[in-house]
Amino acid sequence: MRIFLYPAPYILHAKHFSIDDDLAVIGSSNMDIRSFSLNMEISLLVRGASFTAAMRAVEQDYRDAGRELTLDEWRREPGKATFLDGLARLTSALN
C-alpha cells in the first residue's frame, strides 16, 4: 500500500478509486460503517476503460500535487495519536 499526503492547507475529499484498467468506484461514501449503515451513502462500481482511464488521470494529478508518506514517517507517529485515531474510528458510529 502507498499513502500520499495532499499539501496543506487543502483537504482532499475525493471518494473514488480504480481497481484495474476497466473497473472504478466513485460515490459519496466513506469506507466506514457509519457511511454504509447509518448515513445510507452510496458508491457506484463503473465498468469501462475510458471512464477508468479518466479517473486514473485525476488520481495521478492528486499524487503529483502531494507527496508519499514513507514507512519511516508512519512508524514515527506518536502512540497517543494512533490510539486516539483508533478510538475515534471505533466510536464514530455512536450517536
PDB file of N, CA and C in Angstrom:
ATOM      1  N   MET A   1       0.846  -1.165   0.000  1.00  0.00           N
ATOM      2  CA  MET A   1       0.000   0.000   0.000  1.00  0.00           C
ATOM      3  C   MET A   1       0.893   1.229   0.000  1.00  0.00           C
ATOM      4  N   ARG A   2       0.442   2.240  -0.719  1.00  0.00           N
ATOM      5  CA  ARG A   2       1.135   3.527  -0.743  1.00  0.00           C
ATOM      6  C   ARG A   2       0.136   4.597  -0.305  1.00  0.00           C
ATOM      7  N   ILE A   3       0.601   5.510   0.525  1.00  0.00           N
ATOM      8  CA  ILE A   3      -0.239   6.601   1.023  1.00  0.00           C
ATOM      9  C   ILE A   3       0.389   7.917   0.580  1.00  0.00           C
ATOM     10  N   PHE A   4      -0.444   8.777   0.014  1.00  0.00           N
ATOM     11  CA  PHE A   4       0.026  10.093  -0.412  1.00  0.00           C
ATOM     12  C   PHE A   4      -0.666  11.157   0.422  1.00  0.00           C
ATOM     13  N   LEU A   5       0.092  12.164   0.823  1.00  0.00           N
ATOM     14  CA  LEU A   5      -0.429  13.271   1.625  1.00  0.00           C
ATOM     15  C   LEU A   5      -0.659  14.468   0.711  1.00  0.00           C
ATOM     16  N   TYR A   6      -1.849  15.006   0.766  1.00  0.00           N
ATOM     17  CA  TYR A   6      -2.186  16.177  -0.032  1.00  0.00           C
ATOM     18  C   TYR A   6      -1.625  17.401   0.687  1.00  0.00           C
ATOM     19  N   PRO A   7      -1.155  18.401  -0.054  1.00  0.00           N
ATOM     20  CA  PRO A   7      -0.480  19.533   0.603  1.00  0.00           C
ATOM     21  C   PRO A   7      -1.426  20.395   1.432  1.00  0.00           C
ATOM     22  N   ALA A   8      -0.949  20.778   2.616  1.00  0.00           N
ATOM     23  CA  ALA A   8      -1.688  21.708   3.479  1.00  0.00           C
ATOM     24  C   ALA A   8      -1.722  23.068   2.794  1.00  0.00           C
ATOM     25  N   PRO A   9      -2.712  23.863   3.021  1.00  0.00           N
ATOM     26  CA  PRO A   9      -3.811  23.728   3.972  1.00  0.00           C
ATOM     27  C   PRO A   9      -5.032  23.050   3.362  1.00  0.00           C
ATOM     28  N   TYR A  10      -4.880  22.444   2.201  1.00  0.00           N
ATOM     29  CA  TYR A  10      -6.008  21.848   1.499  1.00  0.00           C
ATOM     30  C   TYR A  10      -6.341  20.465   2.042  1.00  0.00           C
ATOM     31  N   ILE A  11      -7.607  20.094   1.911  1.00  0.00           N
ATOM     32  CA  ILE A  11      -8.068  18.769   2.292  1.00  0.00           C
ATOM     33  C   ILE A  11      -8.671  18.132   1.052  1.00  0.00           C
ATOM     34  N   LEU A  12      -8.169  16.966   0.697  1.00  0.00           N
ATOM     35  CA  LEU A  12      -8.702  16.249  -0.451  1.00  0.00           C
ATOM     36  C   LEU A  12      -9.866  15.390   0.027  1.00  0.00           C
ATOM     37  N   HIS A  13     -11.034  15.599  -0.539  1.00  0.00           N
ATOM     38  CA  HIS A  13     -12.240  14.895  -0.095  1.00  0.00           C
ATOM     39  C   HIS A  13     -12.763  13.962  -1.192  1.00  0.00           C
ATOM     40  N   ALA A  14     -11.883  13.568  -2.093  1.00  0.00           N
ATOM     41  CA  ALA A  14     -12.285  12.683  -3.190  1.00  0.00           C
ATOM     42  C   ALA A  14     -12.651  11.310  -2.648  1.00  0.00           C
ATOM     43  N   LYS A  15     -13.652  10.716  -3.237  1.00  0.00           N
ATOM     44  CA  LYS A  15     -14.113   9.391  -2.805  1.00  0.00           C
ATOM     45  C   LYS A  15     -14.240   8.507  -4.027  1.00  0.00           C
ATOM     46  N   HIS A  16     -13.092   8.115  -4.536  1.00  0.00           N
ATOM     47  CA  HIS A  16     -13.074   7.228  -5.694  1.00  0.00           C
ATOM     48  C   HIS A  16     -11.746   6.494  -5.741  1.00  0.00           C
ATOM     49  N   PHE A  17     -11.747   5.360  -6.429  1.00  0.00           N
ATOM     50  CA  PHE A  17     -10.518   4.611  -6.670  1.00  0.00           C
ATOM     51  C   PHE A  17     -10.705   3.713  -7.879  1.00  0.00           C
ATOM     52  N   SER A  18      -9.594   3.402  -8.506  1.00  0.00           N
ATOM     53  CA  SER A  18      -9.639   2.487  -9.643  1.00  0.00           C
ATOM     54  C   SER A  18      -9.121   1.132  -9.186  1.00  0.00           C
ATOM     55  N   ILE A  19      -9.725   0.092  -9.730  1.00  0.00           N
ATOM     56  CA  ILE A  19      -9.370  -1.271  -9.341  1.00  0.00           C
ATOM     57  C   ILE A  19      -8.400  -1.875 -10.348  1.00  0.00           C
ATOM     58  N   ASP A  20      -8.698  -1.719 -11.614  1.00  0.00           N
ATOM     59  CA  ASP A  20      -7.822  -2.173 -12.692  1.00  0.00           C
ATOM     60  C   ASP A  20      -8.068  -1.243 -13.875  1.00  0.00           C
ATOM     61  N   ASP A  21      -7.737  -1.665 -15.076  1.00  0.00           N
ATOM     62  CA  ASP A  21      -7.911  -0.797 -16.244  1.00  0.00           C
ATOM     63  C   ASP A  21      -9.356  -0.657 -16.696  1.00  0.00           C
ATOM     64  N   ASP A  22     -10.263  -1.429 -16.085  1.00  0.00           N
ATOM     65  CA  ASP A  22     -11.647  -1.437 -16.546  1.00  0.00           C
ATOM     66  C   ASP A  22     -12.675  -1.216 -15.436  1.00  0.00           C
ATOM     67  N   LEU A  23     -12.242  -1.190 -14.167  1.00  0.00           N
ATOM     68  CA  LEU A  23     -13.178  -1.032 -13.041  1.00  0.00           C
ATOM     69  C   LEU A  23     -12.770   0.118 -12.138  1.00  0.00           C
ATOM     70  N   ALA A  24     -13.768   0.905 -11.752  1.00  0.00           N
ATOM     71  CA  ALA A  24     -13.543   2.024 -10.848  1.00  0.00           C
ATOM     72  C   ALA A  24     -14.747   2.163  -9.916  1.00  0.00           C
ATOM     73  N   VAL A  25     -14.520   2.781  -8.777  1.00  0.00           N
ATOM     74  CA  VAL A  25     -15.584   3.035  -7.803  1.00  0.00           C
ATOM     75  C   VAL A  25     -15.589   4.529  -7.498  1.00  0.00           C
ATOM     76  N   ILE A  26     -16.784   5.116  -7.505  1.00  0.00           N
ATOM     77  CA  ILE A  26     -16.938   6.537  -7.193  1.00  0.00           C
ATOM     78  C   ILE A  26     -18.252   6.708  -6.439  1.00  0.00           C
ATOM     79  N   GLY A  27     -18.304   7.629  -5.485  1.00  0.00           N
ATOM     80  CA  GLY A  27     -19.542   7.845  -4.747  1.00  0.00           C
ATOM     81  C   GLY A  27     -19.392   8.818  -3.602  1.00  0.00           C
ATOM     82  N   SER A  28     -20.377   8.829  -2.729  1.00  0.00           N
ATOM     83  CA  SER A  28     -20.385   9.745  -1.591  1.00  0.00           C
ATOM     84  C   SER A  28     -19.913   9.079  -0.306  1.00  0.00           C
ATOM     85  N   SER A  29     -19.742   7.784  -0.342  1.00  0.00           N
ATOM     86  CA  SER A  29     -19.484   7.009   0.867  1.00  0.00           C
ATOM     87  C   SER A  29     -18.031   7.027   1.307  1.00  0.00           C
ATOM     88  N   ASN A  30     -17.819   7.168   2.608  1.00  0.00           N
ATOM     89  CA  ASN A  30     -16.522   6.904   3.210  1.00  0.00           C
ATOM     90  C   ASN A  30     -16.440   5.392   3.419  1.00  0.00           C
ATOM     91  N   MET A  31     -15.266   4.890   3.679  1.00  0.00           N
ATOM     92  CA  MET A  31     -15.105   3.455   3.906  1.00  0.00           C
ATOM     93  C   MET A  31     -15.241   3.150   5.398  1.00  0.00           C
ATOM     94  N   ASP A  32     -16.424   3.384   5.934  1.00  0.00           N
ATOM     95  CA  ASP A  32     -16.670   3.066   7.336  1.00  0.00           C
ATOM     96  C   ASP A  32     -18.128   2.665   7.520  1.00  0.00           C
ATOM     97  N   ILE A  33     -18.409   2.056   8.646  1.00  0.00           N
ATOM     98  CA  ILE A  33     -19.748   1.522   8.914  1.00  0.00           C
ATOM     99  C   ILE A  33     -20.794   2.630   8.994  1.00  0.00           C
ATOM    100  N   ARG A  34     -20.392   3.797   9.490  1.00  0.00           N
ATOM    101  CA  ARG A  34     -21.341   4.906   9.598  1.00  0.00           C
ATOM    102  C   ARG A  34     -21.870   5.299   8.219  1.00  0.00           C
ATOM    103  N   SER A  35     -20.974   5.423   7.237  1.00  0.00           N
ATOM    104  CA  SER A  35     -21.403   5.808   5.891  1.00  0.00           C
ATOM    105  C   SER A  35     -22.287   4.755   5.262  1.00  0.00           C
ATOM    106  N   PHE A  36     -21.935   3.487   5.432  1.00  0.00           N
ATOM    107  CA  PHE A  36     -22.688   2.414   4.793  1.00  0.00           C
ATOM    108  C   PHE A  36     -24.025   2.153   5.478  1.00  0.00           C
ATOM    109  N   SER A  37     -24.059   2.182   6.799  1.00  0.00           N
ATOM    110  CA  SER A  37     -25.271   1.782   7.526  1.00  0.00           C
ATOM    111  C   SER A  37     -26.123   2.947   7.997  1.00  0.00           C
ATOM    112  N   LEU A  38     -25.507   3.889   8.679  1.00  0.00           N
ATOM    113  CA  LEU A  38     -26.287   4.960   9.292  1.00  0.00           C
ATOM    114  C   LEU A  38     -26.613   6.097   8.324  1.00  0.00           C
ATOM    115  N   ASN A  39     -25.640   6.517   7.536  1.00  0.00           N
ATOM    116  CA  ASN A  39     -25.864   7.659   6.650  1.00  0.00           C
ATOM    117  C   ASN A  39     -26.442   7.269   5.300  1.00  0.00           C
ATOM    118  N   MET A  40     -26.484   5.962   5.028  1.00  0.00           N
ATOM    119  CA  MET A  40     -27.025   5.444   3.779  1.00  0.00           C
ATOM    120  C   MET A  40     -26.400   6.104   2.558  1.00  0.00           C
ATOM    121  N   GLU A  41     -25.099   6.311   2.593  1.00  0.00           N
ATOM    122  CA  GLU A  41     -24.386   6.828   1.439  1.00  0.00           C
ATOM    123  C   GLU A  41     -24.162   5.696   0.454  1.00  0.00           C
ATOM    124  N   ILE A  42     -23.827   6.042  -0.769  1.00  0.00           N
ATOM    125  CA  ILE A  42     -23.677   5.011  -1.797  1.00  0.00           C
ATOM    126  C   ILE A  42     -22.386   5.198  -2.586  1.00  0.00           C
ATOM    127  N   SER A  43     -21.997   4.128  -3.229  1.00  0.00           N
ATOM    128  CA  SER A  43     -20.893   4.151  -4.181  1.00  0.00           C
ATOM    129  C   SER A  43     -21.339   3.404  -5.426  1.00  0.00           C
ATOM    130  N   LEU A  44     -20.755   3.769  -6.540  1.00  0.00           N
ATOM    131  CA  LEU A  44     -21.115   3.177  -7.817  1.00  0.00           C
ATOM    132  C   LEU A  44     -19.891   2.487  -8.402  1.00  0.00           C
ATOM    133  N   LEU A  45     -20.043   1.225  -8.769  1.00  0.00           N
ATOM    134  CA  LEU A  45     -18.998   0.481  -9.456  1.00  0.00           C
ATOM    135  C   LEU A  45     -19.199   0.704 -10.951  1.00  0.00           C
ATOM    136  N   VAL A  46     -18.178   1.250 -11.604  1.00  0.00           N
ATOM    137  CA  VAL A  46     -18.276   1.578 -13.028  1.00  0.00           C
ATOM    138  C   VAL A  46     -17.335   0.672 -13.810  1.00  0.00           C
ATOM    139  N   ARG A  47     -17.861   0.075 -14.860  1.00  0.00           N
ATOM    140  CA  ARG A  47     -17.037  -0.745 -15.738  1.00  0.00           C
ATOM    141  C   ARG A  47     -16.899  -0.021 -17.066  1.00  0.00           C
ATOM    142  N   GLY A  48     -15.671   0.270 -17.422  1.00  0.00           N
ATOM    143  CA  GLY A  48     -15.415   0.956 -18.683  1.00  0.00           C
ATOM    144  C   GLY A  48     -14.009   1.515 -18.707  1.00  0.00           C
ATOM    145  N   ALA A  49     -13.271   1.172 -19.739  1.00  0.00           N
ATOM    146  CA  ALA A  49     -11.871   1.576 -19.836  1.00  0.00           C
ATOM    147  C   ALA A  49     -11.703   3.091 -19.933  1.00  0.00           C
ATOM    148  N   SER A  50     -12.571   3.763 -20.677  1.00  0.00           N
ATOM    149  CA  SER A  50     -12.400   5.215 -20.839  1.00  0.00           C
ATOM    150  C   SER A  50     -12.690   5.958 -19.533  1.00  0.00           C
ATOM    151  N   PHE A  51     -13.731   5.536 -18.820  1.00  0.00           N
ATOM    152  CA  PHE A  51     -14.046   6.156 -17.527  1.00  0.00           C
ATOM    153  C   PHE A  51     -12.902   5.927 -16.541  1.00  0.00           C
ATOM    154  N   THR A  52     -12.423   4.681 -16.478  1.00  0.00           N
ATOM    155  CA  THR A  52     -11.352   4.341 -15.545  1.00  0.00           C
ATOM    156  C   THR A  52     -10.072   5.088 -15.890  1.00  0.00           C
ATOM    157  N   ALA A  53      -9.754   5.217 -17.158  1.00  0.00           N
ATOM    158  CA  ALA A  53      -8.559   5.963 -17.566  1.00  0.00           C
ATOM    159  C   ALA A  53      -8.653   7.429 -17.151  1.00  0.00           C
ATOM    160  N   ALA A  54      -9.829   8.016 -17.323  1.00  0.00           N
ATOM    161  CA  ALA A  54     -10.029   9.415 -16.922  1.00  0.00           C
ATOM    162  C   ALA A  54      -9.883   9.572 -15.408  1.00  0.00           C
ATOM    163  N   MET A  55     -10.423   8.616 -14.657  1.00  0.00           N
ATOM    164  CA  MET A  55     -10.299   8.678 -13.197  1.00  0.00           C
ATOM    165  C   MET A  55      -8.860   8.481 -12.758  1.00  0.00           C
ATOM    166  N   ARG A  56      -8.151   7.589 -13.422  1.00  0.00           N
ATOM    167  CA  ARG A  56      -6.737   7.365 -13.084  1.00  0.00           C
ATOM    168  C   ARG A  56      -5.910   8.614 -13.345  1.00  0.00           C
ATOM    169  N   ALA A  57      -6.256   9.378 -14.370  1.00  0.00           N
ATOM    170  CA  ALA A  57      -5.547  10.630 -14.632  1.00  0.00           C
ATOM    171  C   ALA A  57      -5.768  11.624 -13.491  1.00  0.00           C
ATOM    172  N   VAL A  58      -7.003  11.701 -12.993  1.00  0.00           N
ATOM    173  CA  VAL A  58      -7.308  12.568 -11.850  1.00  0.00           C
ATOM    174  C   VAL A  58      -6.529  12.098 -10.624  1.00  0.00           C
ATOM    175  N   GLU A  59      -6.510  10.792 -10.382  1.00  0.00           N
ATOM    176  CA  GLU A  59      -5.772  10.233  -9.235  1.00  0.00           C
ATOM    177  C   GLU A  59      -4.288  10.579  -9.327  1.00  0.00           C
ATOM    178  N   GLN A  60      -3.729  10.500 -10.538  1.00  0.00           N
ATOM    179  CA  GLN A  60      -2.308  10.820 -10.706  1.00  0.00           C
ATOM    180  C   GLN A  60      -2.049  12.296 -10.437  1.00  0.00           C
ATOM    181  N   ASP A  61      -2.975  13.161 -10.851  1.00  0.00           N
ATOM    182  CA  ASP A  61      -2.839  14.590 -10.547  1.00  0.00           C
ATOM    183  C   ASP A  61      -2.795  14.817  -9.036  1.00  0.00           C
ATOM    184  N   TYR A  62      -3.627  14.105  -8.284  1.00  0.00           N
ATOM    185  CA  TYR A  62      -3.610  14.222  -6.825  1.00  0.00           C
ATOM    186  C   TYR A  62      -2.265  13.776  -6.256  1.00  0.00           C
ATOM    187  N   ARG A  63      -1.751  12.646  -6.757  1.00  0.00           N
ATOM    188  CA  ARG A  63      -0.454  12.160  -6.273  1.00  0.00           C
ATOM    189  C   ARG A  63       0.656  13.145  -6.620  1.00  0.00           C
ATOM    190  N   ASP A  64       0.614  13.702  -7.822  1.00  0.00           N
ATOM    191  CA  ASP A  64       1.643  14.659  -8.246  1.00  0.00           C
ATOM    192  C   ASP A  64       1.626  15.925  -7.390  1.00  0.00           C
ATOM    193  N   ALA A  65       0.448  16.323  -6.920  1.00  0.00           N
ATOM    194  CA  ALA A  65       0.327  17.528  -6.094  1.00  0.00           C
ATOM    195  C   ALA A  65       0.809  17.297  -4.671  1.00  0.00           C
ATOM    196  N   GLY A  66       0.788  16.050  -4.231  1.00  0.00           N
ATOM    197  CA  GLY A  66       1.153  15.738  -2.849  1.00  0.00           C
ATOM    198  C   GLY A  66       2.514  15.084  -2.754  1.00  0.00           C
ATOM    199  N   ARG A  67       2.686  14.332  -1.701  1.00  0.00           N
ATOM    200  CA  ARG A  67       3.923  13.578  -1.504  1.00  0.00           C
ATOM    201  C   ARG A  67       3.601  12.255  -0.839  1.00  0.00           C
ATOM    202  N   GLU A  68       4.467  11.287  -1.046  1.00  0.00           N
ATOM    203  CA  GLU A  68       4.241   9.958  -0.486  1.00  0.00           C
ATOM    204  C   GLU A  68       4.689   9.908   0.973  1.00  0.00           C
ATOM    205  N   LEU A  69       3.842   9.322   1.805  1.00  0.00           N
ATOM    206  CA  LEU A  69       4.179   9.090   3.213  1.00  0.00           C
ATOM    207  C   LEU A  69       5.079   7.863   3.272  1.00  0.00           C
ATOM    208  N   THR A  70       6.235   8.010   3.911  1.00  0.00           N
ATOM    209  CA  THR A  70       7.159   6.882   3.987  1.00  0.00           C
ATOM    210  C   THR A  70       6.814   5.986   5.181  1.00  0.00           C
ATOM    211  N   LEU A  71       7.269   4.758   5.116  1.00  0.00           N
ATOM    212  CA  LEU A  71       7.061   3.827   6.223  1.00  0.00           C
ATOM    213  C   LEU A  71       7.743   4.340   7.485  1.00  0.00           C
ATOM    214  N   ASP A  72       8.906   4.950   7.332  1.00  0.00           N
ATOM    215  CA  ASP A  72       9.606   5.544   8.487  1.00  0.00           C
ATOM    216  C   ASP A  72       8.763   6.613   9.172  1.00  0.00           C
ATOM    217  N   GLU A  73       8.161   7.495   8.370  1.00  0.00           N
ATOM    218  CA  GLU A  73       7.289   8.536   8.932  1.00  0.00           C
ATOM    219  C   GLU A  73       6.096   7.907   9.643  1.00  0.00           C
ATOM    220  N   TRP A  74       5.510   6.887   9.033  1.00  0.00           N
ATOM    221  CA  TRP A  74       4.352   6.203   9.614  1.00  0.00           C
ATOM    222  C   TRP A  74       4.713   5.609  10.973  1.00  0.00           C
ATOM    223  N   ARG A  75       5.861   4.982  11.037  1.00  0.00           N
ATOM    224  CA  ARG A  75       6.292   4.336  12.287  1.00  0.00           C
ATOM    225  C   ARG A  75       6.647   5.338  13.368  1.00  0.00           C
ATOM    226  N   ARG A  76       7.002   6.559  12.990  1.00  0.00           N
ATOM    227  CA  ARG A  76       7.334   7.594  13.978  1.00  0.00           C
ATOM    228  C   ARG A  76       6.101   8.293  14.540  1.00  0.00           C
ATOM    229  N   GLU A  77       4.937   7.968  14.030  1.00  0.00           N
ATOM    230  CA  GLU A  77       3.690   8.573  14.526  1.00  0.00           C
ATOM    231  C   GLU A  77       3.572   8.276  16.017  1.00  0.00           C
ATOM    232  N   PRO A  78       3.335   9.290  16.838  1.00  0.00           N
ATOM    233  CA  PRO A  78       3.239   9.061  18.289  1.00  0.00           C
ATOM    234  C   PRO A  78       2.125   8.070  18.643  1.00  0.00           C
ATOM    235  N   GLY A  79       2.385   7.233  19.630  1.00  0.00           N
ATOM    236  CA  GLY A  79       1.407   6.248  20.073  1.00  0.00           C
ATOM    237  C   GLY A  79       0.097   6.882  20.499  1.00  0.00           C
ATOM    238  N   LYS A  80       0.172   8.052  21.110  1.00  0.00           N
ATOM    239  CA  LYS A  80      -1.043   8.747  21.558  1.00  0.00           C
ATOM    240  C   LYS A  80      -1.946   9.087  20.368  1.00  0.00           C
ATOM    241  N   ALA A  81      -1.349   9.559  19.276  1.00  0.00           N
ATOM    242  CA  ALA A  81      -2.135   9.909  18.085  1.00  0.00           C
ATOM    243  C   ALA A  81      -2.757   8.662  17.472  1.00  0.00           C
ATOM    244  N   THR A  82      -1.998   7.583  17.406  1.00  0.00           N
ATOM    245  CA  THR A  82      -2.510   6.327  16.863  1.00  0.00           C
ATOM    246  C   THR A  82      -3.668   5.810  17.708  1.00  0.00           C
ATOM    247  N   PHE A  83      -3.525   5.880  19.028  1.00  0.00           N
ATOM    248  CA  PHE A  83      -4.595   5.449  19.937  1.00  0.00           C
ATOM    249  C   PHE A  83      -5.851   6.301  19.733  1.00  0.00           C
ATOM    250  N   LEU A  84      -5.692   7.608  19.672  1.00  0.00           N
ATOM    251  CA  LEU A  84      -6.850   8.494  19.509  1.00  0.00           C
ATOM    252  C   LEU A  84      -7.530   8.289  18.153  1.00  0.00           C
ATOM    253  N   ASP A  85      -6.749   8.042  17.102  1.00  0.00           N
ATOM    254  CA  ASP A  85      -7.337   7.739  15.795  1.00  0.00           C
ATOM    255  C   ASP A  85      -8.178   6.467  15.864  1.00  0.00           C
ATOM    256  N   GLY A  86      -7.657   5.431  16.506  1.00  0.00           N
ATOM    257  CA  GLY A  86      -8.384   4.174  16.655  1.00  0.00           C
ATOM    258  C   GLY A  86      -9.648   4.346  17.471  1.00  0.00           C
ATOM    259  N   LEU A  87      -9.557   5.118  18.555  1.00  0.00           N
ATOM    260  CA  LEU A  87     -10.718   5.372  19.401  1.00  0.00           C
ATOM    261  C   LEU A  87     -11.800   6.132  18.625  1.00  0.00           C
ATOM    262  N   ALA A  88     -11.390   7.116  17.849  1.00  0.00           N
ATOM    263  CA  ALA A  88     -12.354   7.873  17.038  1.00  0.00           C
ATOM    264  C   ALA A  88     -13.034   6.964  16.028  1.00  0.00           C
ATOM    265  N   ARG A  89     -12.280   6.055  15.433  1.00  0.00           N
ATOM    266  CA  ARG A  89     -12.850   5.125  14.454  1.00  0.00           C
ATOM    267  C   ARG A  89     -13.865   4.202  15.116  1.00  0.00           C
ATOM    268  N   LEU A  90     -13.533   3.689  16.299  1.00  0.00           N
ATOM    269  CA  LEU A  90     -14.431   2.775  16.987  1.00  0.00           C
ATOM    270  C   LEU A  90     -15.734   3.439  17.427  1.00  0.00           C
ATOM    271  N   THR A  91     -15.657   4.702  17.808  1.00  0.00           N
ATOM    272  CA  THR A  91     -16.841   5.379  18.339  1.00  0.00           C
ATOM    273  C   THR A  91     -17.578   6.224  17.298  1.00  0.00           C
ATOM    274  N   SER A  92     -17.132   6.216  16.046  1.00  0.00           N
ATOM    275  CA  SER A  92     -17.732   7.095  15.039  1.00  0.00           C
ATOM    276  C   SER A  92     -19.192   6.749  14.755  1.00  0.00           C
ATOM    277  N   ALA A  93     -19.593   5.516  14.959  1.00  0.00           N
ATOM    278  CA  ALA A  93     -20.977   5.133  14.662  1.00  0.00           C
ATOM    279  C   ALA A  93     -21.940   5.405  15.820  1.00  0.00           C
ATOM    280  N   LEU A  94     -21.414   5.814  16.954  1.00  0.00           N
ATOM    281  CA  LEU A  94     -22.278   6.084  18.100  1.00  0.00           C
ATOM    282  C   LEU A  94     -22.921   7.445  17.966  1.00  0.00           C
ATOM    283  N   ASN A  95     -24.176   7.546  18.325  1.00  0.00           N
ATOM    284  CA  ASN A  95     -24.879   8.838  18.295  1.00  0.00           C
ATOM    285  C   ASN A  95     -25.025   9.386  19.668  1.00  0.00           C
TER     286      ASN A  95
END
